[in-house]
Amino acid sequence: MTEREPRTALLRGGDVHTPADPFATAMVVERGHIAWVGSEGAADAFASGVDEVIDLEGALVTPAFTDAHVHTTATGLALTGLDLSPAATLGQALALVRDFAAARPADRVLLGHGWDAARWPEGRPPSRTELDEATGGRPLYLPRVDVHSAVVTTALLDLVPGVTGLAGYRPDAPLTGAAHHAVRAAAHAAVTPAQRGEAQRAALRRAASLGIGTVHECAGPEISDEEDFTSLLALAADEERPGPRVVGYWAEPVTGERDARRVRELGALGAAGDLFVDGSLGSHTACLHEPYADAPHTGTAHLDKAAVAAHVTACTEAGLQAGFHAIGDAALSAVADGVRAAAETLGPHRVRAARHRVEHAEMLTPETIAAFAELGLTASVQPAFDAAWGGEDGMYAQRLGTERARTLNPYAALLRSGVPLALGSDSPVTRLDPWGTVRAAAFHRTPEHRVSVRAAFTAHTRGGWRATGRDDAGVLVPGAPADYAVWRTGDLVVQAPDDRVARWSTDPRSGTPGLPDLSPGAPLPVCLRTVVGGRTVFVRPNE
């Protein structure tokens, strides 16, 4: 169920998560904005003047989530394509490939995702010979779960002349670097506009069904193409198909006003997102100061301090947000040093005011955390990475060793230093799952990096809006955009790593509004309704 025009509505008989009134049970929405929040007794005065009265029946109303890092078309293709994440062994993965190929005889190229050889007892990805056999010799593109490397069939390689001479090509290992980018472009070029539109709609429907009201699309020439980006923005703006908001970022270096003008013409808010300073830990391409524990090298550097400084300077002068993909400690040092150099040229206040952002920001040190705080950089982070790959036996420990792995994703230290956080999924790298993301931040595998549920929730709602330069949204207060979700959930509690904080926060005198219990193993809230700008974009069917 969706609707074209915002309706005036009174929601009552539930719990409204708002700083305006910690005991609010009702809310009025008018002309796409929050008009009032308050108590049940006061709600009677509004009942006769609205188009609709919604009985919440005890449900919880919160701001809609913002997923600050999404690849929308890839997410939709993953929803409609081959998902290898359930495969527990290499053999199971090959069986899934074989079944998928048999079920899709008309596809020009077979697309899949989600494999992670680190989880398989064989400890290796499928070989090209194995994939050729499983597909019957058809083109197949299978990026690793982190999408920084891929295995493919011979038939797909044949579509890319000269691929064997590109950097990152290895005959018996996953493709990385330029070879991977060229093969990915060939695979995606085989996707028709109709398939792309279907994928984008599927991804946005899934987001809406999870209470996500806004996604930040992190696009760029090394990820998709301009037509994919502009078609997504057009779809999101279509008044006939209301859905989640899409904020677009285009990851291409900016060196002057001509580049900046082109970014604006594409409809992007900034030249940010996945502008690669390095790669990923899983693919051994994140750039490190010291070699990997399981490989004799330090990864791949794509941009250095000078390139970072040039991009930040040009974007700041043009009034654009700049941003980078940086995971390894050496890559994050290059970002910090480059942004600081830009601040020395332009003045620190101008750079801070631009709210430039860094995606992933995993392998931070005390020095780079301090630099983020000094320079006003937003850390756009994905807690599900720690849930998937953290811990003493996880992929991080395999790649870095246990001690270095324990330093990753230090959310508590970032918040203590005043670094703004925005939470996301990097879908399809990890799935759209906002409450699971909040849980992963609050129950980080390394206890000293944990933050309160409330802090994580704020970073996944208001933090995403602040990352775009908006301070008036992502919270249910009068005047804010009416982007909210309604949830079926259990008792509301206050969860924080420090038990003293939790005890005080549950005292009625503190006026701290509760949130669902996100303890590991507890059922996550179920989205009943999602509203964006006062228009309903999702209603859960009757169960």
Protein backbone atom coordinates (compact mmCIF):
# COMPACT_ATOMS: atom_id res chain seq x y z
CA MET A 1 0.00 0.00 0.00
CA THR A 2 1.30 3.47 -0.97
CA GLU A 3 -0.37 6.84 -1.32
CA ARG A 4 0.34 9.81 -3.56
CA GLU A 5 -0.60 12.70 -1.28
CA PRO A 6 0.42 13.27 2.35
CA ARG A 7 -2.52 12.86 4.68
CA THR A 8 -3.24 14.55 7.97
CA ALA A 9 -3.19 11.83 10.56
CA LEU A 10 -3.42 11.32 14.31
CA LEU A 11 -1.54 8.31 15.64
CA ARG A 12 -2.51 7.37 19.18
CA GLY A 13 -2.49 4.55 21.69
CA GLY A 14 1.17 3.55 21.43
CA ASP A 15 4.67 4.73 22.30
CA VAL A 16 6.24 7.60 20.37
CA HIS A 17 10.04 7.78 20.54
CA THR A 18 10.69 11.51 20.74
CA PRO A 19 12.89 13.86 22.75
CA ALA A 20 9.98 16.30 22.90
CA ASP A 21 8.11 14.18 25.46
CA PRO A 22 9.64 11.00 26.91
CA PHE A 23 6.16 9.71 27.76
CA ALA A 24 4.43 10.55 24.46
CA THR A 25 1.76 8.16 23.23
CA ALA A 26 0.34 10.16 20.30
CA MET A 27 1.49 12.18 17.29
CA VAL A 28 -0.12 14.39 14.64
CA VAL A 29 1.21 14.55 11.07
CA GLU A 30 0.23 17.41 8.79
CA ARG A 31 1.45 18.45 5.31
CA GLY A 32 4.28 15.94 5.41
CA HIS A 33 5.70 17.11 8.74
CA ILE A 34 5.32 16.33 12.40
CA ALA A 35 2.81 18.81 13.82
CA TRP A 36 2.52 17.66 17.45
CA VAL A 37 3.59 14.93 19.85
CA GLY A 38 2.15 14.42 23.32
CA SER A 39 -0.03 12.45 25.69
CA GLU A 40 -3.15 10.40 25.05
CA GLY A 41 -5.33 12.79 26.98
CA ALA A 42 -4.39 15.73 24.77
CA ALA A 43 -4.89 13.71 21.58
CA ASP A 44 -8.69 14.04 21.77
CA ALA A 45 -8.42 17.68 20.76
CA PHE A 46 -6.97 16.71 17.36
CA ALA A 47 -9.21 13.77 16.49
CA SER A 48 -11.89 15.71 14.60
CA GLY A 49 -9.50 17.77 12.49
CA VAL A 50 -7.50 15.04 10.73
CA ASP A 51 -8.09 12.82 7.69
CA GLU A 52 -7.26 9.65 9.54
CA VAL A 53 -6.98 8.38 13.10
CA ILE A 54 -4.61 5.42 13.47
CA ASP A 55 -4.95 3.28 16.57
CA LEU A 56 -1.42 2.09 17.28
CA GLU A 57 -2.68 -0.69 19.56
CA GLY A 58 0.43 -0.39 21.69
CA ALA A 59 2.90 -0.25 18.80
CA LEU A 60 6.10 1.80 18.86
CA VAL A 61 6.61 4.80 16.56
CA THR A 62 10.18 5.85 15.78
CA PRO A 63 11.92 7.98 13.17
CA ALA A 64 12.46 6.01 9.98
CA PHE A 65 15.95 4.65 9.58
CA THR A 66 18.51 6.09 7.19
CA ASP A 67 20.88 3.56 5.61
CA ALA A 68 23.96 5.67 4.95
CA HIS A 69 25.67 3.33 2.47
CA VAL A 70 23.74 1.33 -0.13
CA HIS A 71 24.30 0.10 -3.68
CA THR A 72 20.67 -0.02 -4.69
CA THR A 73 20.75 -1.73 -8.07
CA ALA A 74 23.25 -4.31 -6.85
CA THR A 75 21.01 -4.89 -3.83
CA GLY A 76 18.02 -5.47 -6.10
CA LEU A 77 20.00 -7.77 -8.38
CA ALA A 78 21.04 -9.70 -5.28
CA LEU A 79 17.42 -9.99 -4.20
CA THR A 80 16.48 -11.38 -7.60
CA GLY A 81 19.78 -13.19 -8.33
CA LEU A 82 21.91 -15.95 -6.85
CA ASP A 83 22.69 -15.56 -3.17
CA LEU A 84 25.60 -17.75 -2.06
CA SER A 85 25.64 -16.55 1.56
CA PRO A 86 23.74 -19.66 2.79
CA ALA A 87 26.43 -21.98 1.34
CA ALA A 88 28.40 -23.58 4.17
CA THR A 89 30.86 -25.36 1.87
CA LEU A 90 32.38 -24.96 -1.56
CA GLY A 91 30.36 -27.95 -2.74
CA GLN A 92 27.11 -26.34 -1.63
CA ALA A 93 28.06 -23.14 -3.44
CA LEU A 94 28.69 -25.00 -6.69
CA ALA A 95 25.37 -26.83 -6.32
CA LEU A 96 23.58 -23.50 -5.92
CA VAL A 97 25.32 -22.17 -9.04
CA ARG A 98 24.28 -25.27 -10.98
CA ASP A 99 20.63 -24.98 -9.89
CA PHE A 100 20.50 -21.24 -10.59
CA ALA A 101 21.89 -21.67 -14.10
CA ALA A 102 19.33 -24.36 -14.84
CA ALA A 103 16.49 -22.15 -13.58
CA ARG A 104 17.54 -19.09 -15.67
CA PRO A 105 18.05 -20.36 -19.22
CA ALA A 106 17.20 -17.02 -20.86
CA ASP A 107 19.60 -14.78 -18.91
CA ARG A 108 22.42 -13.34 -21.00
CA VAL A 109 24.66 -13.29 -17.96
CA LEU A 110 24.25 -15.04 -14.60
CA LEU A 111 24.71 -12.76 -11.61
CA GLY A 112 25.34 -13.79 -8.03
CA HIS A 113 26.99 -12.57 -4.86
CA GLY A 114 27.75 -13.35 -1.24
CA TRP A 115 30.42 -16.05 -1.29
CA ASP A 116 33.09 -16.02 1.40
CA ALA A 117 35.71 -18.75 1.16
CA ALA A 118 36.95 -17.87 4.65
CA ARG A 119 33.78 -19.53 6.01
CA TRP A 120 34.18 -22.72 4.00
CA PRO A 121 36.16 -25.72 5.25
CA GLU A 122 37.90 -25.92 1.87
CA GLY A 123 39.29 -22.42 2.46
CA ARG A 124 39.28 -21.52 -1.24
CA PRO A 125 36.89 -20.03 -3.79
CA PRO A 126 35.52 -22.02 -6.73
CA SER A 127 37.92 -22.41 -9.64
CA ARG A 128 37.10 -21.23 -13.14
CA THR A 129 36.96 -24.83 -14.33
CA GLU A 130 34.43 -25.69 -11.62
CA LEU A 131 32.27 -22.68 -12.51
CA ASP A 132 32.46 -23.43 -16.25
CA GLU A 133 31.16 -26.91 -15.52
CA ALA A 134 28.42 -25.73 -13.15
CA THR A 135 27.07 -23.15 -15.61
CA GLY A 136 27.42 -25.21 -18.77
CA GLY A 137 29.88 -22.68 -20.16
CA ARG A 138 27.70 -19.57 -19.74
CA PRO A 139 28.85 -16.11 -18.59
CA LEU A 140 28.79 -15.84 -14.78
CA TYR A 141 29.90 -13.01 -12.47
CA LEU A 142 30.26 -13.81 -8.75
CA PRO A 143 31.73 -11.04 -6.59
CA ARG A 144 33.02 -11.93 -3.15
CA VAL A 145 30.87 -10.77 -0.21
CA ASP A 146 32.91 -7.52 0.04
CA VAL A 147 32.55 -6.92 -3.76
CA HIS A 148 36.26 -6.08 -4.12
CA SER A 149 37.11 -9.29 -5.96
CA ALA A 150 35.21 -11.80 -8.06
CA VAL A 151 35.31 -15.23 -9.64
CA VAL A 152 33.96 -15.57 -13.18
CA THR A 153 33.58 -18.09 -15.96
CA THR A 154 35.63 -18.31 -19.13
CA ALA A 155 32.61 -17.21 -21.17
CA LEU A 156 32.49 -13.90 -19.29
CA LEU A 157 36.23 -13.34 -19.70
CA ASP A 158 35.75 -13.83 -23.44
CA LEU A 159 33.51 -10.73 -23.45
CA VAL A 160 36.40 -8.54 -22.24
CA PRO A 161 39.21 -8.37 -24.84
CA GLY A 162 42.62 -7.87 -23.27
CA VAL A 163 41.48 -8.72 -19.75
CA THR A 164 44.43 -11.05 -19.19
CA GLY A 165 46.78 -8.07 -19.51
CA LEU A 166 45.05 -5.94 -16.89
CA ALA A 167 46.26 -5.45 -13.32
CA GLY A 168 44.54 -7.82 -10.95
CA TYR A 169 44.14 -10.67 -13.44
CA ARG A 170 45.32 -14.05 -12.16
CA PRO A 171 44.37 -17.23 -13.99
CA ASP A 172 43.80 -19.30 -10.86
CA ALA A 173 42.57 -16.73 -8.33
CA PRO A 174 39.77 -14.17 -7.94
CA LEU A 175 40.04 -11.05 -10.09
CA THR A 176 40.87 -7.75 -8.40
CA GLY A 177 41.71 -4.21 -9.48
CA ALA A 178 41.36 -3.20 -13.13
CA ALA A 179 40.61 -6.73 -14.30
CA HIS A 180 37.73 -7.01 -11.86
CA HIS A 181 36.35 -3.60 -12.84
CA ALA A 182 36.45 -4.47 -16.55
CA VAL A 183 34.70 -7.81 -16.07
CA ARG A 184 32.09 -6.25 -13.76
CA ALA A 185 31.35 -3.60 -16.39
CA ALA A 186 30.83 -6.28 -19.02
CA ALA A 187 28.51 -8.24 -16.74
CA HIS A 188 26.43 -5.21 -15.82
CA ALA A 189 26.29 -4.07 -19.46
CA ALA A 190 24.36 -7.25 -20.18
CA VAL A 191 21.63 -6.22 -17.73
CA THR A 192 18.71 -4.67 -19.62
CA PRO A 193 17.05 -1.39 -18.52
CA ALA A 194 13.95 -3.39 -17.60
CA GLN A 195 16.00 -5.72 -15.38
CA ARG A 196 17.70 -2.74 -13.77
CA GLY A 197 14.40 -1.01 -13.02
CA GLU A 198 13.00 -4.22 -11.57
CA ALA A 199 16.06 -4.54 -9.34
CA GLN A 200 15.88 -0.94 -8.13
CA ARG A 201 12.20 -1.24 -7.27
CA ALA A 202 12.83 -4.51 -5.44
CA ALA A 203 15.58 -2.93 -3.35
CA LEU A 204 13.50 0.11 -2.42
CA ARG A 205 10.51 -2.07 -1.54
CA ARG A 206 12.71 -4.15 0.73
CA ALA A 207 14.08 -1.00 2.38
CA ALA A 208 10.59 0.36 3.00
CA SER A 209 9.45 -2.95 4.50
CA LEU A 210 12.25 -2.66 7.07
CA GLY A 211 11.38 0.86 8.23
CA ILE A 212 14.10 2.52 6.13
CA GLY A 213 12.92 5.92 4.93
CA THR A 214 16.14 7.12 3.27
CA VAL A 215 19.06 5.42 1.55
CA HIS A 216 22.36 6.99 0.57
CA GLU A 217 23.23 5.62 -2.86
CA CYS A 218 27.02 5.31 -3.11
CA ALA A 219 27.59 5.20 -6.86
CA GLY A 220 30.47 6.01 -9.17
CA PRO A 221 32.14 5.08 -12.44
CA GLU A 222 34.02 2.16 -10.85
CA ILE A 223 30.81 0.77 -9.31
CA SER A 224 28.02 1.27 -11.83
CA ASP A 225 27.43 3.88 -14.52
CA GLU A 226 25.75 7.26 -14.93
CA GLU A 227 22.58 5.82 -16.44
CA ASP A 228 22.15 3.49 -13.48
CA PHE A 229 22.61 6.41 -11.08
CA THR A 230 20.30 8.88 -12.81
CA SER A 231 17.60 6.27 -13.41
CA LEU A 232 17.57 5.44 -9.70
CA LEU A 233 17.24 9.10 -8.72
CA ALA A 234 14.41 9.50 -11.26
CA LEU A 235 12.64 6.43 -9.88
CA ALA A 236 12.90 7.73 -6.32
CA ALA A 237 11.52 11.12 -7.37
CA ASP A 238 8.53 9.63 -9.23
CA GLU A 239 5.42 10.93 -7.46
CA GLU A 240 3.44 8.01 -8.87
CA ARG A 241 5.62 5.49 -6.99
CA PRO A 242 6.33 6.92 -3.54
CA GLY A 243 9.03 5.09 -1.65
CA PRO A 244 12.17 5.73 0.38
CA ARG A 245 14.13 8.88 -0.29
CA VAL A 246 17.38 8.38 -2.21
CA VAL A 247 20.33 10.69 -1.55
CA GLY A 248 22.89 10.21 -4.29
CA TYR A 249 26.68 10.37 -4.06
CA TRP A 250 28.90 10.07 -7.12
CA ALA A 251 32.44 8.86 -6.39
CA GLU A 252 34.60 10.58 -8.97
CA PRO A 253 37.61 12.84 -8.32
CA VAL A 254 36.88 16.56 -8.57
CA THR A 255 39.71 18.83 -9.66
CA GLY A 256 37.82 21.99 -10.51
CA GLU A 257 34.47 23.64 -11.20
CA ARG A 258 33.85 21.69 -14.41
CA ASP A 259 33.99 18.39 -12.50
CA ALA A 260 31.86 19.82 -9.71
CA ARG A 261 29.24 21.03 -12.19
CA ARG A 262 29.05 17.58 -13.75
CA VAL A 263 28.51 15.96 -10.34
CA ARG A 264 25.65 18.39 -9.67
CA GLU A 265 24.12 17.76 -13.10
CA LEU A 266 24.00 14.06 -12.31
CA GLY A 267 21.86 14.93 -9.28
CA ALA A 268 24.47 14.00 -6.68
CA LEU A 269 24.74 15.71 -3.31
CA GLY A 270 28.48 15.20 -3.31
CA ALA A 271 31.51 13.60 -4.87
CA ALA A 272 31.68 11.05 -2.10
CA GLY A 273 30.81 7.48 -1.23
CA ASP A 274 33.09 4.82 -2.68
CA LEU A 275 35.89 7.00 -4.02
CA PHE A 276 38.48 4.34 -3.38
CA VAL A 277 41.56 5.14 -1.33
CA ASP A 278 42.02 1.38 -0.87
CA GLY A 279 40.13 -1.90 -1.17
CA SER A 280 38.93 -4.40 1.43
CA LEU A 281 40.43 -6.62 4.10
CA GLY A 282 38.72 -9.76 2.83
CA SER A 283 40.28 -9.35 -0.61
CA HIS A 284 43.70 -8.34 0.82
CA THR A 285 43.38 -4.95 -0.91
CA ALA A 286 42.83 -2.66 2.10
CA CYS A 287 45.99 -0.55 2.44
CA LEU A 288 47.94 -1.22 5.64
CA HIS A 289 51.02 0.21 7.33
CA GLU A 290 52.26 -3.32 8.11
CA PRO A 291 51.79 -6.50 6.04
CA TYR A 292 48.81 -8.79 6.41
CA ALA A 293 49.17 -11.66 8.83
CA ASP A 294 48.29 -14.12 6.05
CA ALA A 295 49.87 -12.43 3.02
CA PRO A 296 53.31 -10.87 2.42
CA HIS A 297 52.12 -7.44 1.30
CA THR A 298 50.28 -4.32 2.53
CA GLY A 299 47.38 -4.11 0.10
CA THR A 300 46.57 -1.53 -2.56
CA ALA A 301 46.68 2.27 -2.42
CA HIS A 302 44.54 4.09 -4.99
CA LEU A 303 44.84 7.69 -3.71
CA ASP A 304 47.60 9.34 -1.74
CA LYS A 305 47.65 12.40 0.52
CA ALA A 306 48.05 14.81 -2.40
CA ALA A 307 45.12 13.34 -4.33
CA VAL A 308 42.92 13.44 -1.23
CA ALA A 309 43.87 17.07 -0.58
CA ALA A 310 43.14 18.07 -4.16
CA HIS A 311 39.70 16.44 -4.12
CA VAL A 312 38.71 17.92 -0.74
CA THR A 313 39.94 21.38 -1.75
CA ALA A 314 38.03 21.39 -5.03
CA CYS A 315 34.84 20.04 -3.46
CA THR A 316 34.96 22.51 -0.57
CA GLU A 317 35.44 25.44 -2.92
CA ALA A 318 32.50 24.21 -5.04
CA GLY A 319 30.21 23.69 -2.04
CA LEU A 320 30.11 19.90 -2.48
CA GLN A 321 30.60 17.16 0.06
CA ALA A 322 33.72 15.12 -0.53
CA GLY A 323 34.16 11.61 0.70
CA PHE A 324 36.27 8.50 0.44
CA HIS A 325 36.21 4.73 0.88
CA ALA A 326 39.02 3.99 3.34
CA ILE A 327 39.42 0.82 5.43
CA GLY A 328 43.09 0.11 6.19
CA ASP A 329 45.15 2.15 8.64
CA ALA A 330 47.45 3.46 5.88
CA ALA A 331 44.46 4.52 3.78
CA LEU A 332 42.90 6.32 6.74
CA SER A 333 46.19 8.07 7.46
CA ALA A 334 46.26 9.27 3.83
CA VAL A 335 42.71 10.62 4.20
CA ALA A 336 43.47 12.38 7.49
CA ASP A 337 46.69 13.90 6.16
CA GLY A 338 45.05 14.96 2.89
CA VAL A 339 42.02 16.58 4.52
CA ARG A 340 44.33 18.37 6.98
CA ALA A 341 46.37 19.70 4.05
CA ALA A 342 43.18 21.02 2.47
CA ALA A 343 42.25 22.67 5.77
CA GLU A 344 45.63 24.39 5.88
CA THR A 345 44.93 25.83 2.43
CA LEU A 346 41.27 26.79 2.87
CA GLY A 347 41.00 27.23 6.62
CA PRO A 348 39.73 24.61 9.04
CA HIS A 349 36.30 26.20 9.48
CA ARG A 350 35.45 25.88 5.77
CA VAL A 351 36.50 22.24 5.69
CA ARG A 352 34.60 21.38 8.87
CA ALA A 353 31.47 23.15 7.63
CA ALA A 354 31.43 20.99 4.47
CA ARG A 355 30.89 17.80 6.53
CA HIS A 356 33.05 15.60 4.37
CA ARG A 357 32.67 11.89 5.05
CA VAL A 358 34.64 8.66 5.14
CA GLU A 359 33.01 5.33 4.34
CA HIS A 360 33.82 2.24 6.45
CA ALA A 361 36.70 3.80 8.45
CA GLU A 362 37.48 0.45 10.06
CA MET A 363 41.16 0.38 11.01
CA LEU A 364 41.33 3.62 12.94
CA THR A 365 44.07 4.60 15.36
CA PRO A 366 43.91 7.18 18.19
CA GLU A 367 45.68 9.61 15.84
CA THR A 368 43.22 9.21 12.98
CA ILE A 369 40.24 9.37 15.36
CA ALA A 370 41.60 12.68 16.66
CA ALA A 371 42.00 13.89 13.08
CA PHE A 372 38.38 12.99 12.25
CA ALA A 373 37.22 15.04 15.24
CA GLU A 374 39.51 17.96 14.39
CA LEU A 375 38.42 18.08 10.73
CA GLY A 376 34.70 17.43 11.22
CA LEU A 377 34.71 14.21 9.22
CA THR A 378 31.65 11.96 9.45
CA ALA A 379 32.38 8.27 9.89
CA SER A 380 29.88 6.33 7.76
CA VAL A 381 30.23 2.87 9.26
CA GLN A 382 28.73 -0.61 8.98
CA PRO A 383 28.47 -2.47 12.33
CA ALA A 384 27.32 -5.65 10.58
CA PHE A 385 30.91 -6.00 9.35
CA ASP A 386 32.02 -6.68 12.92
CA ALA A 387 29.12 -9.06 13.47
CA ALA A 388 30.10 -11.00 10.32
CA TRP A 389 33.90 -10.87 10.46
CA GLY A 390 34.95 -9.83 13.97
CA GLY A 391 35.94 -11.99 16.91
CA GLU A 392 39.05 -14.05 17.54
CA ASP A 393 38.15 -16.63 14.87
CA GLY A 394 36.73 -14.26 12.27
CA MET A 395 38.06 -13.02 8.95
CA TYR A 396 39.58 -9.90 10.53
CA ALA A 397 41.74 -12.03 12.82
CA GLN A 398 42.76 -14.23 9.89
CA ARG A 399 43.85 -11.24 7.84
CA LEU A 400 45.42 -9.12 10.59
CA GLY A 401 46.09 -11.33 13.59
CA THR A 402 44.11 -11.16 16.79
CA GLU A 403 45.68 -8.03 18.28
CA ARG A 404 45.26 -5.80 15.25
CA ALA A 405 41.79 -7.22 14.61
CA ARG A 406 40.65 -6.09 18.07
CA THR A 407 41.27 -2.45 17.10
CA LEU A 408 38.74 -2.42 14.26
CA ASN A 409 35.52 -0.43 14.23
CA PRO A 410 36.08 1.53 17.49
CA TYR A 411 32.63 3.14 17.72
CA ALA A 412 32.83 4.09 21.41
CA ALA A 413 36.13 5.92 20.89
CA LEU A 414 34.69 7.79 17.91
CA LEU A 415 31.69 8.98 19.90
CA ARG A 416 33.83 9.95 22.89
CA SER A 417 35.94 12.10 20.57
CA GLY A 418 32.90 13.83 19.09
CA VAL A 419 33.11 12.21 15.65
CA PRO A 420 29.66 12.10 13.98
CA LEU A 421 28.51 8.57 13.14
CA ALA A 422 26.12 7.49 10.39
CA LEU A 423 25.24 3.80 10.22
CA GLY A 424 24.58 1.77 7.11
CA SER A 425 24.78 -1.68 5.57
CA ASP A 426 26.87 -1.39 2.38
CA SER A 427 24.14 -3.60 0.96
CA PRO A 428 24.49 -6.05 -0.71
CA VAL A 429 27.80 -6.60 1.13
CA THR A 430 25.70 -7.06 4.26
CA ARG A 431 21.94 -7.09 4.07
CA LEU A 432 19.51 -4.29 4.80
CA ASP A 433 18.77 -4.84 8.49
CA PRO A 434 18.52 -1.64 10.54
CA TRP A 435 17.68 -3.10 13.94
CA GLY A 436 20.33 -5.77 13.40
CA THR A 437 22.79 -2.99 12.62
CA VAL A 438 21.94 -1.18 15.87
CA ARG A 439 22.33 -4.47 17.74
CA ALA A 440 25.74 -5.09 16.16
CA ALA A 441 27.00 -1.68 17.32
CA ALA A 442 25.62 -2.13 20.84
CA PHE A 443 26.97 -5.68 21.17
CA HIS A 444 30.25 -5.25 19.30
CA ARG A 445 32.46 -8.36 19.48
CA THR A 446 35.11 -6.22 21.17
CA PRO A 447 33.42 -4.95 24.36
CA GLU A 448 35.36 -1.67 24.63
CA HIS A 449 34.00 -0.60 21.24
CA ARG A 450 30.34 -0.99 22.24
CA VAL A 451 27.96 1.97 22.37
CA SER A 452 24.49 2.26 23.89
CA VAL A 453 21.48 1.16 21.88
CA ARG A 454 20.26 4.73 22.03
CA ALA A 455 23.52 6.09 20.57
CA ALA A 456 23.52 3.51 17.80
CA PHE A 457 19.84 4.16 17.03
CA THR A 458 20.50 7.89 16.82
CA ALA A 459 23.41 7.28 14.45
CA HIS A 460 21.13 5.17 12.24
CA THR A 461 18.33 7.75 12.15
CA ARG A 462 19.37 11.33 12.84
CA GLY A 463 23.03 10.59 12.07
CA GLY A 464 22.24 9.73 8.47
CA TRP A 465 20.43 13.04 7.97
CA ARG A 466 23.25 14.99 9.61
CA ALA A 467 25.68 13.31 7.25
CA THR A 468 23.83 15.04 4.39
CA GLY A 469 23.94 18.43 6.10
CA ARG A 470 20.41 18.29 7.58
CA ASP A 471 20.09 18.83 11.33
CA ASP A 472 16.29 19.18 11.39
CA ALA A 473 15.33 15.63 10.51
CA GLY A 474 15.59 12.04 11.69
CA VAL A 475 13.79 12.85 14.92
CA LEU A 476 10.08 13.09 15.80
CA VAL A 477 9.63 16.70 16.88
CA PRO A 478 7.27 19.39 15.57
CA GLY A 479 8.51 20.77 12.26
CA ALA A 480 10.59 17.72 11.31
CA PRO A 481 9.80 15.74 8.15
CA ALA A 482 7.22 13.04 8.83
CA ASP A 483 9.53 10.12 8.09
CA TYR A 484 8.62 7.45 10.62
CA ALA A 485 8.04 3.75 11.11
CA VAL A 486 5.58 1.82 13.28
CA TRP A 487 6.82 -1.34 14.99
CA ARG A 488 5.44 -4.38 16.72
CA THR A 489 7.84 -5.09 19.56
CA GLY A 490 8.09 -6.17 23.16
CA ASP A 491 8.83 -4.11 26.25
CA LEU A 492 10.94 -0.99 25.83
CA VAL A 493 14.21 -0.84 27.76
CA VAL A 494 17.40 1.20 28.03
CA GLN A 495 20.58 -0.70 27.13
CA ALA A 496 24.06 0.73 27.60
CA PRO A 497 27.53 -0.81 28.04
CA ASP A 498 27.88 0.96 31.40
CA ASP A 499 25.38 -0.58 33.81
CA ARG A 500 25.31 2.59 35.91
CA VAL A 501 24.03 4.53 32.89
CA ALA A 502 21.42 1.87 32.17
CA ARG A 503 20.15 1.91 35.77
CA TRP A 504 19.79 5.69 35.86
CA SER A 505 18.23 5.82 32.39
CA THR A 506 15.42 3.48 33.43
CA ASP A 507 14.58 5.67 36.42
CA PRO A 508 11.46 7.72 35.47
CA ARG A 509 13.22 10.86 36.71
CA SER A 510 15.73 10.63 33.87
CA GLY A 511 13.01 10.97 31.21
CA THR A 512 14.93 8.63 28.87
CA PRO A 513 12.65 7.06 26.24
CA GLY A 514 13.14 3.32 25.87
CA LEU A 515 13.84 1.25 22.78
CA PRO A 516 13.29 -2.44 21.97
CA ASP A 517 15.39 -5.05 23.73
CA LEU A 518 18.17 -5.86 21.25
CA SER A 519 20.01 -8.43 23.36
CA PRO A 520 21.54 -11.16 21.19
CA GLY A 521 18.89 -13.77 20.53
CA ALA A 522 15.95 -11.49 21.31
CA PRO A 523 13.44 -11.14 18.43
CA LEU A 524 13.88 -7.95 16.45
CA PRO A 525 10.97 -5.50 15.98
CA VAL A 526 8.65 -6.07 13.02
CA CYS A 527 7.82 -3.11 10.78
CA LEU A 528 4.09 -2.53 10.44
CA ARG A 529 4.13 0.75 8.51
CA THR A 530 6.70 3.08 6.95
CA VAL A 531 5.89 6.70 6.14
CA VAL A 532 8.09 9.10 4.15
CA GLY A 533 7.20 12.77 3.99
CA GLY A 534 3.76 11.98 5.38
CA ARG A 535 3.01 9.41 2.66
CA THR A 536 2.66 5.75 3.52
CA VAL A 537 5.14 3.72 1.47
CA PHE A 538 4.70 0.37 3.21
CA VAL A 539 2.00 -1.38 5.23
CA ARG A 540 2.54 -4.93 6.39
CA PRO A 541 -0.21 -7.23 5.09
CA ASN A 542 -2.51 -8.74 7.67
CA GLU A 543 -0.92 -11.82 9.16
